[in-house]
Protein backbone atom coordinates (compact mmCIF):
# COMPACT_ATOMS: atom_id res chain seq x y z
CA MET A 1 0.07 -0.18 0.05
CA SER A 2 1.48 3.58 -1.01
CA ASN A 3 2.05 6.31 1.61
CA ARG A 4 -0.83 8.07 -0.44
CA SER A 5 -3.48 5.33 0.09
CA PHE A 6 -2.48 4.84 3.42
CA SER A 7 -2.95 7.72 4.73
CA ALA A 8 -6.41 8.34 2.71
CA ALA A 9 -7.55 4.87 5.05
CA LEU A 10 -6.51 6.70 8.16
CA VAL A 11 -8.27 9.88 7.72
CA SER A 12 -11.45 7.70 6.23
CA ASP A 13 -11.27 5.82 9.85
CA THR A 14 -10.74 8.81 11.86
CA ILE A 15 -13.82 10.38 10.00
CA GLU A 16 -15.67 7.40 10.59
CA LEU A 17 -14.63 7.02 14.07
CA ILE A 18 -15.39 11.19 14.50
CA TYR A 19 -19.11 10.55 13.32
CA PHE A 20 -19.50 7.21 15.34
CA ASN A 21 -19.12 9.16 18.71
CA TRP A 22 -20.79 12.20 17.47
CA VAL A 23 -24.03 9.27 16.72
CA ILE A 24 -23.01 8.32 20.27
CA LEU A 25 -23.75 11.75 21.62
CA MET A 26 -26.88 12.94 20.18
CA SER A 27 -28.64 9.53 20.98
CA ASP A 28 -27.58 10.05 24.20
CA LYS A 29 -29.72 8.25 26.93
CA GLN A 30 -31.30 5.82 24.55
CA LEU A 31 -30.70 2.73 23.35
CA PRO A 32 -28.56 2.06 20.60
CA ASP A 33 -30.03 1.13 17.26
CA TYR A 34 -30.20 -2.87 16.83
CA LEU A 35 -29.14 -3.34 13.88
CA THR A 36 -26.06 -0.81 14.34
CA PHE A 37 -25.13 -2.50 17.07
CA ALA A 38 -25.41 -5.77 16.07
CA SER A 39 -23.58 -4.96 13.26
CA GLU A 40 -20.97 -3.84 15.62
CA LEU A 41 -20.74 -6.60 17.87
CA GLN A 42 -20.58 -9.27 14.85
CA SER A 43 -17.88 -7.32 13.56
CA ALA A 44 -15.82 -7.31 16.73
CA GLY A 45 -16.33 -11.13 16.68
CA LEU A 46 -18.21 -11.17 20.02
CA ALA A 47 -20.75 -13.81 20.61
CA VAL A 48 -23.31 -11.65 22.05
CA ASN A 49 -26.57 -9.67 19.96
CA PRO A 50 -27.45 -7.04 21.52
CA ALA A 51 -31.13 -8.66 22.83
CA GLU A 52 -28.57 -10.77 24.90
CA LEU A 53 -26.66 -7.90 25.94
CA HIS A 54 -29.03 -5.60 27.14
CA GLY A 55 -30.56 -8.61 29.07
CA LEU A 56 -27.55 -8.79 30.76
CA LEU A 57 -27.02 -5.17 31.57
CA THR A 58 -30.08 -4.69 32.97
CA GLY A 59 -30.08 -7.52 35.18
CA MET A 60 -27.02 -6.72 36.65
CA LEU A 61 -28.39 -3.24 37.36
CA SER A 62 -31.38 -4.75 38.46
CA GLY A 63 -28.66 -7.00 40.53
CA GLY A 64 -27.47 -4.23 42.31
CA LEU A 65 -24.14 -3.32 39.83
CA SER A 66 -23.06 -0.20 40.83
CA LEU A 67 -24.12 2.82 39.05
CA THR A 68 -21.16 4.93 38.70
CA ASP A 69 -18.24 2.42 37.62
CA LYS A 70 -17.14 1.01 35.27
CA SER A 71 -17.30 -2.85 37.55
CA TRP A 72 -19.67 -3.88 35.19
CA GLN A 73 -16.78 -4.33 32.13
CA PRO A 74 -14.58 -6.52 33.22
CA MET A 75 -17.76 -9.01 34.41
CA VAL A 76 -18.97 -8.49 30.83
CA TYR A 77 -15.56 -9.16 29.41
CA ASP A 78 -15.61 -12.81 31.35
CA TYR A 79 -19.26 -13.42 30.27
CA VAL A 80 -18.77 -13.04 26.90
CA SER A 81 -14.76 -12.97 25.76
CA GLU A 82 -13.26 -15.20 27.89
CA GLY A 83 -11.96 -11.92 29.81
CA MET A 84 -11.01 -10.12 26.18
CA GLY A 85 -11.52 -6.76 26.38
CA TRP A 86 -13.61 -5.24 23.60
CA PRO A 87 -13.29 -2.74 20.48
CA THR A 88 -14.01 0.69 21.03
CA LYS A 89 -16.98 1.61 19.30
CA SER A 90 -18.64 -1.85 20.64
CA LEU A 91 -17.68 -0.54 24.24
CA GLN A 92 -19.14 2.68 23.52
CA LEU A 93 -22.53 1.29 22.30
CA ALA A 94 -23.12 -1.10 25.95
CA GLN A 95 -21.93 1.63 27.38
CA ALA A 96 -24.61 3.94 25.68
CA ALA A 97 -27.39 0.86 26.45
CA LEU A 98 -26.09 0.84 29.98
CA ASP A 99 -26.51 4.72 30.52
CA ALA A 100 -29.94 4.66 28.86
CA THR A 101 -30.99 1.73 30.95
CA ILE A 102 -29.84 3.63 33.92
CA SER A 103 -31.94 6.27 33.30
CA GLU A 104 -34.69 4.62 32.48
CA LEU A 105 -34.64 2.40 36.27
CA THR A 106 -33.64 5.40 38.21
CA GLY A 107 -36.23 7.60 36.65
CA SER A 108 -39.73 8.62 37.36
CA GLY A 109 -41.50 7.61 34.40
CA MET A 110 -41.68 3.40 35.63
CA ASP A 111 -40.64 2.31 32.01
CA LEU A 112 -37.91 0.44 30.52
CA GLU A 113 -37.36 -0.07 26.95
CA ILE A 114 -36.51 -3.48 25.48
CA LEU A 115 -33.83 -4.00 22.99
CA LEU A 116 -35.43 -6.48 20.50
CA PRO A 117 -34.91 -6.88 17.11
CA ASP A 118 -37.75 -4.92 15.35
CA GLU A 119 -39.58 -4.02 11.61
CA GLU A 120 -36.28 -1.66 10.54
CA ALA A 121 -33.96 -5.01 11.59
CA SER A 122 -36.62 -7.26 8.76
CA ALA A 123 -37.50 -8.96 11.70
CA SER A 124 -40.42 -11.56 11.46
CA LEU A 125 -42.60 -12.87 15.21
CA PHE A 126 -40.61 -15.49 15.48
CA ASP A 127 -37.32 -13.46 15.96
CA ILE A 128 -38.73 -11.05 18.04
CA ALA A 129 -39.87 -13.98 20.00
CA ASP A 130 -37.04 -15.20 20.26
CA GLY A 131 -35.25 -12.26 21.22
CA LEU A 132 -37.58 -11.55 23.82
CA ALA A 133 -36.62 -15.04 25.14
CA GLU A 134 -32.79 -14.17 24.68
CA TRP A 135 -33.25 -11.15 26.73
CA VAL A 136 -35.20 -12.58 29.52
CA ASN A 137 -32.34 -15.50 30.00
CA HIS A 138 -29.17 -12.98 29.97
CA TYR A 139 -31.68 -10.70 32.49
CA ILE A 140 -31.38 -13.62 35.10
CA SER A 141 -27.76 -14.61 34.10
CA GLY A 142 -27.42 -10.69 34.63
CA LEU A 143 -28.50 -10.86 38.10
CA GLY A 144 -26.27 -14.20 39.00
CA LEU A 145 -23.27 -12.25 37.88
CA VAL A 146 -23.87 -9.37 40.75
CA ASN A 147 -24.84 -12.31 43.20
CA ALA A 148 -28.19 -10.88 43.92
CA GLU A 149 -29.48 -12.26 47.40
CA LEU A 150 -32.34 -13.91 45.40
CA LYS A 151 -33.19 -16.33 48.23
CA LYS A 152 -33.91 -13.40 50.73
CA ALA A 153 -36.26 -11.38 47.97
CA SER A 154 -39.48 -10.65 49.25
CA LYS A 155 -42.61 -12.78 47.75
CA ASP A 156 -43.24 -10.28 44.77
CA VAL A 157 -39.92 -10.71 43.65
CA LYS A 158 -39.74 -14.49 44.15
CA GLU A 159 -43.17 -14.78 42.16
CA ALA A 160 -41.62 -12.52 39.45
CA LEU A 161 -38.48 -14.33 38.46
CA ALA A 162 -40.77 -17.20 38.62
CA ASP A 163 -42.62 -15.40 35.92
CA LEU A 164 -39.51 -15.21 33.86
CA GLU A 165 -37.96 -18.15 34.28
CA GLU A 166 -41.48 -19.29 32.21
CA ILE A 167 -40.88 -16.53 29.56
CA SER A 168 -37.45 -17.72 29.00
CA LYS A 169 -38.47 -20.72 27.62
CA LEU A 170 -41.37 -19.48 25.20
CA GLY A 171 -41.69 -19.93 21.68
CA ILE A 172 -44.43 -19.68 18.52
CA ASP A 173 -44.99 -22.26 16.64
CA GLU A 174 -45.52 -21.99 13.00
CA ASP A 175 -48.98 -23.36 13.13
CA ASP A 176 -50.14 -20.70 16.27
CA ASP A 177 -52.52 -17.45 14.60
CA LEU A 178 -50.09 -14.92 13.96
CA GLU A 179 -52.26 -11.99 15.34
CA GLU A 180 -52.99 -13.19 17.86
CA GLN A 181 -49.91 -14.64 18.85
CA ALA A 182 -48.25 -10.89 18.16
CA GLN A 183 -50.99 -9.53 20.74
CA LEU A 184 -49.86 -11.89 23.10
CA LEU A 185 -45.94 -11.36 22.72
CA GLU A 186 -47.10 -7.43 23.28
CA GLN A 187 -48.48 -8.26 26.43
CA VAL A 188 -45.84 -10.60 27.35
CA ILE A 189 -42.92 -7.54 27.01
CA GLU A 190 -45.08 -5.42 29.26
CA HIS A 191 -45.44 -8.43 31.61
CA VAL A 192 -41.83 -8.25 31.23
CA LYS A 193 -41.31 -5.00 31.94
CA ALA A 194 -43.06 -4.93 35.54
CA CYS A 195 -41.00 -8.28 36.33
CA VAL A 196 -37.94 -6.23 36.05
CA LEU A 197 -39.27 -3.27 37.73
CA THR A 198 -40.50 -4.93 40.56
CA ILE A 199 -36.90 -6.91 40.84
CA HIS A 200 -34.96 -3.67 40.57
CA SER A 201 -37.09 -1.88 43.15
CA GLU A 202 -35.68 -4.02 45.56
CA PHE A 203 -32.12 -5.32 44.50
CA GLY A 204 -31.58 -2.39 42.39
CA GLN A 205 -29.23 0.84 43.66
CA ARG A 206 -30.55 4.51 43.34
CA PRO A 207 -28.39 7.65 42.93
CA THR A 208 -27.02 9.45 45.20
CA GLN A 209 -29.44 11.89 46.68
CA GLN A 210 -28.40 15.58 46.56
CA ALA A 211 -28.77 17.47 50.31
CA ALA A 212 -31.73 19.49 49.86
CA PRO A 213 -30.87 23.10 49.84
CA THR A 214 -30.98 24.95 53.12
CA ILE A 215 -32.89 27.88 53.84
CA HIS A 216 -31.94 30.52 55.72
């Protein structure tokens, strides 16, 4: 490769990285685009898809993961890539997903977005159902990664966990009424969110509260 072509490639890579960082900044506190995330994880050779990784991170948060440090990284490295670090882009997307989820779980909206394949990713109903099962499976694994003391959980949390374990085994059969299954899947997704919020309310960390201003 000539010096000229090498320089052109270097400039192109630099521009791409700057643009990538800009996209991350502009989408602050929002989950990454599924297709972009999936492509980057695949390019990095990481044996995890966005649904699985988001489920894992959400489970870690619900189990008590720190909201303010990078303690999640070595745990995820061990789980996904045998302790090996990740390329910058993959790490940035994972951090963006984590930040967005922290914002939702610690906010007042009592809502949660689950990162699943969608129509924009040309996902079928079967893909979405499989993605949900993968998300839930990895959510449960995430709770285990941070050693959440589930044996001491309240009755509500134990019921939520039991429901999630059942949901993790669900799938859609080709012989089923797909319109009916689509409606049921929406209901199941909402129930998963409710279960996650129930578990997080008991084991998840809360942001440090600022001291109220003193009135003189």
